[in-house]
Amino acid sequence: MTAETDLQKAARFEAEARELHRRSRAAANLPASIVLRFRALWKEEAARLLRRQR
């Protein structure tokens, strides 16, 4: 098994962030929506930092 490169990891984080944003919009209550949105924003920031390292 090969290790993920930073760009591959950034792309995976961005895809996960899009899914979390989608789930956030569909959440049944506000606290769940907030938690999902926070996780999505964290993934986006992690992806941005990984891409900046290059």
PDB file of N, CA and C in Angstrom:
ATOM      1  N   MET A   1       0.848  -1.181   0.000  1.00  0.00           N
ATOM      2  CA  MET A   1       0.000   0.000   0.000  1.00  0.00           C
ATOM      3  C   MET A   1       0.891   1.242   0.000  1.00  0.00           C
ATOM      4  N   THR A   2       0.575   2.180  -0.839  1.00  0.00           N
ATOM      5  CA  THR A   2       1.389   3.383  -0.934  1.00  0.00           C
ATOM      6  C   THR A   2       0.808   4.498  -0.081  1.00  0.00           C
ATOM      7  N   ALA A   3       1.671   5.341   0.382  1.00  0.00           N
ATOM      8  CA  ALA A   3       1.231   6.487   1.180  1.00  0.00           C
ATOM      9  C   ALA A   3       0.626   7.547   0.259  1.00  0.00           C
ATOM     10  N   GLU A   4      -0.362   8.242   0.791  1.00  0.00           N
ATOM     11  CA  GLU A   4      -0.984   9.331   0.032  1.00  0.00           C
ATOM     12  C   GLU A   4      -0.023  10.508  -0.079  1.00  0.00           C
ATOM     13  N   THR A   5      -0.014  11.133  -1.235  1.00  0.00           N
ATOM     14  CA  THR A   5       0.737  12.370  -1.363  1.00  0.00           C
ATOM     15  C   THR A   5      -0.099  13.500  -0.764  1.00  0.00           C
ATOM     16  N   ASP A   6       0.535  14.627  -0.526  1.00  0.00           N
ATOM     17  CA  ASP A   6      -0.191  15.769   0.026  1.00  0.00           C
ATOM     18  C   ASP A   6      -1.321  16.212  -0.894  1.00  0.00           C
ATOM     19  N   LEU A   7      -1.087  16.182  -2.210  1.00  0.00           N
ATOM     20  CA  LEU A   7      -2.136  16.600  -3.144  1.00  0.00           C
ATOM     21  C   LEU A   7      -3.305  15.625  -3.146  1.00  0.00           C
ATOM     22  N   GLN A   8      -3.017  14.338  -3.036  1.00  0.00           N
ATOM     23  CA  GLN A   8      -4.087  13.350  -2.976  1.00  0.00           C
ATOM     24  C   GLN A   8      -4.899  13.522  -1.693  1.00  0.00           C
ATOM     25  N   LYS A   9      -4.194  13.754  -0.593  1.00  0.00           N
ATOM     26  CA  LYS A   9      -4.868  13.951   0.684  1.00  0.00           C
ATOM     27  C   LYS A   9      -5.723  15.220   0.640  1.00  0.00           C
ATOM     28  N   ALA A  10      -5.195  16.290   0.036  1.00  0.00           N
ATOM     29  CA  ALA A  10      -5.953  17.542  -0.082  1.00  0.00           C
ATOM     30  C   ALA A  10      -7.214  17.319  -0.912  1.00  0.00           C
ATOM     31  N   ALA A  11      -7.096  16.577  -2.000  1.00  0.00           N
ATOM     32  CA  ALA A  11      -8.267  16.302  -2.840  1.00  0.00           C
ATOM     33  C   ALA A  11      -9.302  15.484  -2.075  1.00  0.00           C
ATOM     34  N   ARG A  12      -8.840  14.514  -1.287  1.00  0.00           N
ATOM     35  CA  ARG A  12      -9.766  13.702  -0.486  1.00  0.00           C
ATOM     36  C   ARG A  12     -10.456  14.570   0.565  1.00  0.00           C
ATOM     37  N   PHE A  13      -9.701  15.451   1.232  1.00  0.00           N
ATOM     38  CA  PHE A  13     -10.292  16.345   2.228  1.00  0.00           C
ATOM     39  C   PHE A  13     -11.333  17.262   1.597  1.00  0.00           C
ATOM     40  N   GLU A  14     -11.053  17.780   0.399  1.00  0.00           N
ATOM     41  CA  GLU A  14     -12.014  18.652  -0.279  1.00  0.00           C
ATOM     42  C   GLU A  14     -13.299  17.893  -0.615  1.00  0.00           C
ATOM     43  N   ALA A  15     -13.181  16.647  -1.072  1.00  0.00           N
ATOM     44  CA  ALA A  15     -14.367  15.842  -1.373  1.00  0.00           C
ATOM     45  C   ALA A  15     -15.159  15.565  -0.091  1.00  0.00           C
ATOM     46  N   GLU A  16     -14.455  15.254   0.987  1.00  0.00           N
ATOM     47  CA  GLU A  16     -15.131  15.024   2.264  1.00  0.00           C
ATOM     48  C   GLU A  16     -15.820  16.297   2.749  1.00  0.00           C
ATOM     49  N   ALA A  17     -15.193  17.448   2.545  1.00  0.00           N
ATOM     50  CA  ALA A  17     -15.787  18.723   2.961  1.00  0.00           C
ATOM     51  C   ALA A  17     -17.080  18.987   2.185  1.00  0.00           C
ATOM     52  N   ARG A  18     -17.072  18.710   0.877  1.00  0.00           N
ATOM     53  CA  ARG A  18     -18.302  18.901   0.091  1.00  0.00           C
ATOM     54  C   ARG A  18     -19.432  18.019   0.623  1.00  0.00           C
ATOM     55  N   GLU A  19     -19.118  16.772   0.957  1.00  0.00           N
ATOM     56  CA  GLU A  19     -20.122  15.866   1.503  1.00  0.00           C
ATOM     57  C   GLU A  19     -20.617  16.343   2.864  1.00  0.00           C
ATOM     58  N   LEU A  20     -19.710  16.832   3.700  1.00  0.00           N
ATOM     59  CA  LEU A  20     -20.119  17.349   5.007  1.00  0.00           C
ATOM     60  C   LEU A  20     -21.005  18.582   4.866  1.00  0.00           C
ATOM     61  N   HIS A  21     -20.706  19.468   3.921  1.00  0.00           N
ATOM     62  CA  HIS A  21     -21.563  20.635   3.678  1.00  0.00           C
ATOM     63  C   HIS A  21     -22.952  20.178   3.226  1.00  0.00           C
ATOM     64  N   ARG A  22     -23.008  19.166   2.363  1.00  0.00           N
ATOM     65  CA  ARG A  22     -24.294  18.651   1.906  1.00  0.00           C
ATOM     66  C   ARG A  22     -25.083  18.085   3.084  1.00  0.00           C
ATOM     67  N   ARG A  23     -24.415  17.301   3.921  1.00  0.00           N
ATOM     68  CA  ARG A  23     -25.084  16.728   5.091  1.00  0.00           C
ATOM     69  C   ARG A  23     -25.514  17.812   6.073  1.00  0.00           C
ATOM     70  N   SER A  24     -24.721  18.878   6.168  1.00  0.00           N
ATOM     71  CA  SER A  24     -25.062  19.977   7.064  1.00  0.00           C
ATOM     72  C   SER A  24     -26.370  20.643   6.640  1.00  0.00           C
ATOM     73  N   ARG A  25     -26.521  20.841   5.331  1.00  0.00           N
ATOM     74  CA  ARG A  25     -27.757  21.463   4.840  1.00  0.00           C
ATOM     75  C   ARG A  25     -28.976  20.564   5.059  1.00  0.00           C
ATOM     76  N   ALA A  26     -28.756  19.248   5.102  1.00  0.00           N
ATOM     77  CA  ALA A  26     -29.863  18.303   5.266  1.00  0.00           C
ATOM     78  C   ALA A  26     -30.079  17.900   6.726  1.00  0.00           C
ATOM     79  N   ALA A  27     -29.285  18.416   7.630  1.00  0.00           N
ATOM     80  CA  ALA A  27     -29.377  18.009   9.038  1.00  0.00           C
ATOM     81  C   ALA A  27     -30.750  18.350   9.613  1.00  0.00           C
ATOM     82  N   ALA A  28     -31.213  17.491  10.511  1.00  0.00           N
ATOM     83  CA  ALA A  28     -32.554  17.642  11.081  1.00  0.00           C
ATOM     84  C   ALA A  28     -32.628  18.741  12.137  1.00  0.00           C
ATOM     85  N   ASN A  29     -31.498  19.110  12.732  1.00  0.00           N
ATOM     86  CA  ASN A  29     -31.548  20.138  13.769  1.00  0.00           C
ATOM     87  C   ASN A  29     -30.301  21.021  13.693  1.00  0.00           C
ATOM     88  N   LEU A  30     -30.375  22.154  14.337  1.00  0.00           N
ATOM     89  CA  LEU A  30     -29.307  23.143  14.259  1.00  0.00           C
ATOM     90  C   LEU A  30     -27.976  22.663  14.848  1.00  0.00           C
ATOM     91  N   PRO A  31     -27.965  22.032  16.028  1.00  0.00           N
ATOM     92  CA  PRO A  31     -26.668  21.577  16.557  1.00  0.00           C
ATOM     93  C   PRO A  31     -25.953  20.603  15.614  1.00  0.00           C
ATOM     94  N   ALA A  32     -26.677  19.696  15.026  1.00  0.00           N
ATOM     95  CA  ALA A  32     -26.063  18.753  14.081  1.00  0.00           C
ATOM     96  C   ALA A  32     -25.517  19.498  12.869  1.00  0.00           C
ATOM     97  N   SER A  33     -26.268  20.477  12.395  1.00  0.00           N
ATOM     98  CA  SER A  33     -25.833  21.269  11.253  1.00  0.00           C
ATOM     99  C   SER A  33     -24.544  22.024  11.560  1.00  0.00           C
ATOM    100  N   ILE A  34     -24.465  22.598  12.752  1.00  0.00           N
ATOM    101  CA  ILE A  34     -23.284  23.363  13.154  1.00  0.00           C
ATOM    102  C   ILE A  34     -22.060  22.458  13.238  1.00  0.00           C
ATOM    103  N   VAL A  35     -22.219  21.289  13.838  1.00  0.00           N
ATOM    104  CA  VAL A  35     -21.093  20.358  13.973  1.00  0.00           C
ATOM    105  C   VAL A  35     -20.596  19.925  12.601  1.00  0.00           C
ATOM    106  N   LEU A  36     -21.511  19.578  11.717  1.00  0.00           N
ATOM    107  CA  LEU A  36     -21.120  19.152  10.371  1.00  0.00           C
ATOM    108  C   LEU A  36     -20.438  20.282   9.614  1.00  0.00           C
ATOM    109  N   ARG A  37     -20.967  21.498   9.753  1.00  0.00           N
ATOM    110  CA  ARG A  37     -20.360  22.640   9.066  1.00  0.00           C
ATOM    111  C   ARG A  37     -18.954  22.904   9.589  1.00  0.00           C
ATOM    112  N   PHE A  38     -18.772  22.791  10.913  1.00  0.00           N
ATOM    113  CA  PHE A  38     -17.443  22.992  11.494  1.00  0.00           C
ATOM    114  C   PHE A  38     -16.461  21.952  10.961  1.00  0.00           C
ATOM    115  N   ARG A  39     -16.885  20.703  10.896  1.00  0.00           N
ATOM    116  CA  ARG A  39     -16.002  19.650  10.373  1.00  0.00           C
ATOM    117  C   ARG A  39     -15.651  19.913   8.912  1.00  0.00           C
ATOM    118  N   ALA A  40     -16.613  20.394   8.134  1.00  0.00           N
ATOM    119  CA  ALA A  40     -16.356  20.703   6.731  1.00  0.00           C
ATOM    120  C   ALA A  40     -15.342  21.832   6.602  1.00  0.00           C
ATOM    121  N   LEU A  41     -15.506  22.865   7.406  1.00  0.00           N
ATOM    122  CA  LEU A  41     -14.565  23.984   7.350  1.00  0.00           C
ATOM    123  C   LEU A  41     -13.170  23.550   7.771  1.00  0.00           C
ATOM    124  N   TRP A  42     -13.065  22.654   8.758  1.00  0.00           N
ATOM    125  CA  TRP A  42     -11.766  22.137   9.178  1.00  0.00           C
ATOM    126  C   TRP A  42     -11.105  21.371   8.033  1.00  0.00           C
ATOM    127  N   LYS A  43     -11.882  20.535   7.336  1.00  0.00           N
ATOM    128  CA  LYS A  43     -11.332  19.776   6.203  1.00  0.00           C
ATOM    129  C   LYS A  43     -10.857  20.727   5.100  1.00  0.00           C
ATOM    130  N   GLU A  44     -11.639  21.773   4.820  1.00  0.00           N
ATOM    131  CA  GLU A  44     -11.237  22.737   3.794  1.00  0.00           C
ATOM    132  C   GLU A  44      -9.931  23.432   4.172  1.00  0.00           C
ATOM    133  N   GLU A  45      -9.803  23.804   5.436  1.00  0.00           N
ATOM    134  CA  GLU A  45      -8.577  24.471   5.891  1.00  0.00           C
ATOM    135  C   GLU A  45      -7.385  23.519   5.810  1.00  0.00           C
ATOM    136  N   ALA A  46      -7.576  22.271   6.198  1.00  0.00           N
ATOM    137  CA  ALA A  46      -6.498  21.283   6.116  1.00  0.00           C
ATOM    138  C   ALA A  46      -6.062  21.099   4.658  1.00  0.00           C
ATOM    139  N   ALA A  47      -7.013  21.034   3.750  1.00  0.00           N
ATOM    140  CA  ALA A  47      -6.690  20.879   2.326  1.00  0.00           C
ATOM    141  C   ALA A  47      -5.929  22.099   1.820  1.00  0.00           C
ATOM    142  N   ARG A  48      -6.359  23.278   2.234  1.00  0.00           N
ATOM    143  CA  ARG A  48      -5.685  24.507   1.804  1.00  0.00           C
ATOM    144  C   ARG A  48      -4.240  24.527   2.288  1.00  0.00           C
ATOM    145  N   LEU A  49      -4.015  24.134   3.537  1.00  0.00           N
ATOM    146  CA  LEU A  49      -2.657  24.110   4.077  1.00  0.00           C
ATOM    147  C   LEU A  49      -1.791  23.057   3.380  1.00  0.00           C
ATOM    148  N   LEU A  50      -2.359  21.914   3.068  1.00  0.00           N
ATOM    149  CA  LEU A  50      -1.602  20.885   2.343  1.00  0.00           C
ATOM    150  C   LEU A  50      -1.188  21.375   0.967  1.00  0.00           C
ATOM    151  N   ARG A  51      -2.099  22.068   0.285  1.00  0.00           N
ATOM    152  CA  ARG A  51      -1.776  22.572  -1.050  1.00  0.00           C
ATOM    153  C   ARG A  51      -0.743  23.697  -0.988  1.00  0.00           C
ATOM    154  N   ARG A  52      -0.772  24.489   0.080  1.00  0.00           N
ATOM    155  CA  ARG A  52       0.162  25.612   0.200  1.00  0.00           C
ATOM    156  C   ARG A  52       1.596  25.122   0.418  1.00  0.00           C
ATOM    157  N   GLN A  53       1.764  23.955   1.018  1.00  0.00           N
ATOM    158  CA  GLN A  53       3.100  23.431   1.314  1.00  0.00           C
ATOM    159  C   GLN A  53       3.919  23.199   0.060  1.00  0.00           C
ATOM    160  N   ARG A  54       3.278  23.038  -1.078  1.00  0.00           N
ATOM    161  CA  ARG A  54       4.008  22.729  -2.323  1.00  0.00           C
ATOM    162  C   ARG A  54       4.681  23.929  -2.880  1.00  0.00           C
TER     163      ARG A  54
END
